[in-house]
Amino acid sequence: MDWKKFFIAFLAAFGFIFVFDFLWYGKLMHGAHSEVPALWRPEADFGSHFSWLVFGHIIMAFFLTLLCVKFVPAGGPAPCAKLGILVALIYVGVDFIWFAVQPLTSKILGGMIVGDLIQFAIAGAIIGAISKSSAPTTS
């Protein structure tokens, strides 16, 4: 494993995932989230938990990068995007569980599902592009 490429891919994935979540959930989905304010931390309290949010993004980016590097050793945007979609589908299962146990709206559920699929496909493609092997592969 090329650790330098791994680290760069991880940082790129983290940056993308963090910015995507801010734009998707913090901006685009803000109106849907404000329909059920009892489910979310008040903004004053959110700041004291921000480090947990960053840590969660680090975990997602690190393990998606690890999965891409280990299971798509040749790298490449398309195969890693496909792996990202498979990971997103695991998250979709979690989204449905959240919908079953919390009073989320269908709009929030739909936004979570679409967001997961877009986010992990693009993050996978980014990781794959960076970790792409420079050596030609043989068949």
Protein backbone atom coordinates (compact mmCIF):
# COMPACT_ATOMS: atom_id res chain seq x y z
CA MET A 1 0.00 0.00 0.00
CA ASP A 2 1.24 3.43 -0.91
CA TRP A 3 0.80 5.25 2.41
CA LYS A 4 1.36 8.68 0.89
CA LYS A 5 -1.47 8.13 -1.63
CA PHE A 6 -3.60 6.64 1.13
CA PHE A 7 -3.13 9.70 3.34
CA ILE A 8 -3.81 12.14 0.50
CA ALA A 9 -6.92 10.16 -0.55
CA PHE A 10 -8.11 10.08 3.07
CA LEU A 11 -7.66 13.85 3.46
CA ALA A 12 -9.44 14.51 0.16
CA ALA A 13 -12.30 12.18 1.13
CA PHE A 14 -12.59 13.81 4.55
CA GLY A 15 -12.63 17.29 3.02
CA PHE A 16 -15.27 16.32 0.49
CA ILE A 17 -17.48 14.45 2.99
CA PHE A 18 -17.29 17.27 5.52
CA VAL A 19 -18.12 20.01 3.00
CA PHE A 20 -20.81 17.88 1.33
CA ASP A 21 -22.52 17.21 4.67
CA PHE A 22 -22.40 20.90 5.56
CA LEU A 23 -23.97 21.88 2.24
CA TRP A 24 -26.43 18.97 2.02
CA TYR A 25 -27.62 18.71 5.61
CA GLY A 26 -26.70 22.12 6.96
CA LYS A 27 -28.02 24.18 4.06
CA LEU A 28 -30.15 22.18 1.59
CA MET A 29 -31.93 20.02 4.20
CA HIS A 30 -32.14 22.76 6.86
CA GLY A 31 -35.78 23.52 6.09
CA ALA A 32 -36.77 19.85 6.36
CA HIS A 33 -34.88 19.50 9.64
CA SER A 34 -36.59 22.58 11.08
CA GLU A 35 -39.96 20.82 10.63
CA VAL A 36 -39.03 18.53 13.55
CA PRO A 37 -36.83 20.69 15.81
CA ALA A 38 -37.23 18.40 18.83
CA LEU A 39 -35.01 15.83 17.09
CA TRP A 40 -31.96 18.05 16.79
CA ARG A 41 -29.65 19.78 19.23
CA PRO A 42 -30.23 23.50 19.65
CA GLU A 43 -27.57 25.54 17.85
CA ALA A 44 -26.19 26.78 21.18
CA ASP A 45 -25.63 23.17 22.29
CA PHE A 46 -24.38 22.01 18.89
CA GLY A 47 -21.08 23.86 19.25
CA SER A 48 -20.10 21.84 22.30
CA HIS A 49 -20.56 18.64 20.27
CA PHE A 50 -18.89 19.81 17.06
CA SER A 51 -15.73 17.80 17.73
CA TRP A 52 -17.86 14.62 17.69
CA LEU A 53 -19.20 15.63 14.29
CA VAL A 54 -15.67 16.09 12.95
CA PHE A 55 -14.60 12.77 14.48
CA GLY A 56 -17.51 11.00 12.77
CA HIS A 57 -16.47 12.42 9.41
CA ILE A 58 -12.88 11.32 10.03
CA ILE A 59 -14.07 7.77 10.74
CA MET A 60 -16.23 7.65 7.59
CA ALA A 61 -13.45 9.01 5.37
CA PHE A 62 -10.76 6.79 6.88
CA PHE A 63 -12.67 3.54 6.54
CA LEU A 64 -14.04 4.31 3.09
CA THR A 65 -10.47 5.04 2.00
CA LEU A 66 -9.28 1.82 3.62
CA LEU A 67 -12.02 -0.21 1.90
CA CYS A 68 -11.22 1.32 -1.49
CA VAL A 69 -7.48 0.74 -1.15
CA LYS A 70 -7.86 -2.83 0.14
CA PHE A 71 -10.66 -4.06 -2.11
CA VAL A 72 -9.93 -2.06 -5.28
CA PRO A 73 -6.11 -2.26 -5.28
CA ALA A 74 -5.79 -0.87 -8.83
CA GLY A 75 -7.87 2.13 -7.77
CA GLY A 76 -9.74 4.15 -10.35
CA PRO A 77 -12.75 6.42 -9.96
CA ALA A 78 -15.41 4.07 -11.38
CA PRO A 79 -14.69 0.93 -9.32
CA CYS A 80 -14.23 2.94 -6.11
CA ALA A 81 -17.44 4.89 -6.80
CA LYS A 82 -19.23 1.53 -7.11
CA LEU A 83 -17.78 0.46 -3.78
CA GLY A 84 -18.86 3.82 -2.34
CA ILE A 85 -22.42 3.15 -3.52
CA LEU A 86 -22.37 -0.24 -1.80
CA VAL A 87 -21.23 1.43 1.42
CA ALA A 88 -23.98 4.04 0.97
CA LEU A 89 -26.55 1.26 0.68
CA ILE A 90 -25.51 0.08 4.15
CA TYR A 91 -26.19 3.61 5.37
CA VAL A 92 -29.57 3.53 3.58
CA GLY A 93 -30.48 0.56 5.78
CA VAL A 94 -29.60 2.66 8.82
CA ASP A 95 -31.67 5.53 7.41
CA PHE A 96 -34.74 3.28 7.26
CA ILE A 97 -34.11 2.13 10.83
CA TRP A 98 -33.89 5.77 11.96
CA PHE A 99 -37.16 6.44 10.12
CA ALA A 100 -38.80 3.52 11.99
CA VAL A 101 -37.67 4.62 15.45
CA GLN A 102 -37.70 8.42 15.20
CA PRO A 103 -40.45 10.71 13.98
CA LEU A 104 -38.52 11.75 10.86
CA THR A 105 -40.45 13.09 7.90
CA SER A 106 -40.39 11.31 4.54
CA LYS A 107 -38.64 14.40 3.17
CA ILE A 108 -35.80 13.90 5.66
CA LEU A 109 -35.64 10.16 4.90
CA GLY A 110 -35.47 10.84 1.17
CA GLY A 111 -32.80 13.49 1.68
CA MET A 112 -30.72 11.14 3.79
CA ILE A 113 -30.93 8.35 1.20
CA VAL A 114 -30.11 10.57 -1.78
CA GLY A 115 -27.37 12.32 0.21
CA ASP A 116 -25.76 9.02 1.20
CA LEU A 117 -25.72 7.73 -2.36
CA ILE A 118 -24.29 10.93 -3.84
CA GLN A 119 -21.79 11.48 -1.04
CA PHE A 120 -20.27 8.01 -0.98
CA ALA A 121 -20.22 7.59 -4.77
CA ILE A 122 -18.32 10.86 -5.20
CA ALA A 123 -16.06 10.23 -2.20
CA GLY A 124 -15.25 6.78 -3.60
CA ALA A 125 -14.48 8.28 -7.01
CA ILE A 126 -12.17 10.84 -5.40
CA ILE A 127 -10.36 8.13 -3.43
CA GLY A 128 -10.10 5.94 -6.53
CA ALA A 129 -8.70 8.75 -8.66
CA ILE A 130 -6.02 9.53 -6.08
CA SER A 131 -5.13 5.94 -5.21
CA LYS A 132 -5.12 4.76 -8.85
CA SER A 133 -2.16 2.52 -9.47
CA SER A 134 0.41 3.92 -11.86
CA ALA A 135 1.53 0.39 -12.77
CA PRO A 136 -0.30 -1.22 -15.68
CA THR A 137 -2.55 -4.09 -14.65
CA THR A 138 -2.41 -7.46 -16.37
CA SER A 139 -5.42 -9.60 -17.05
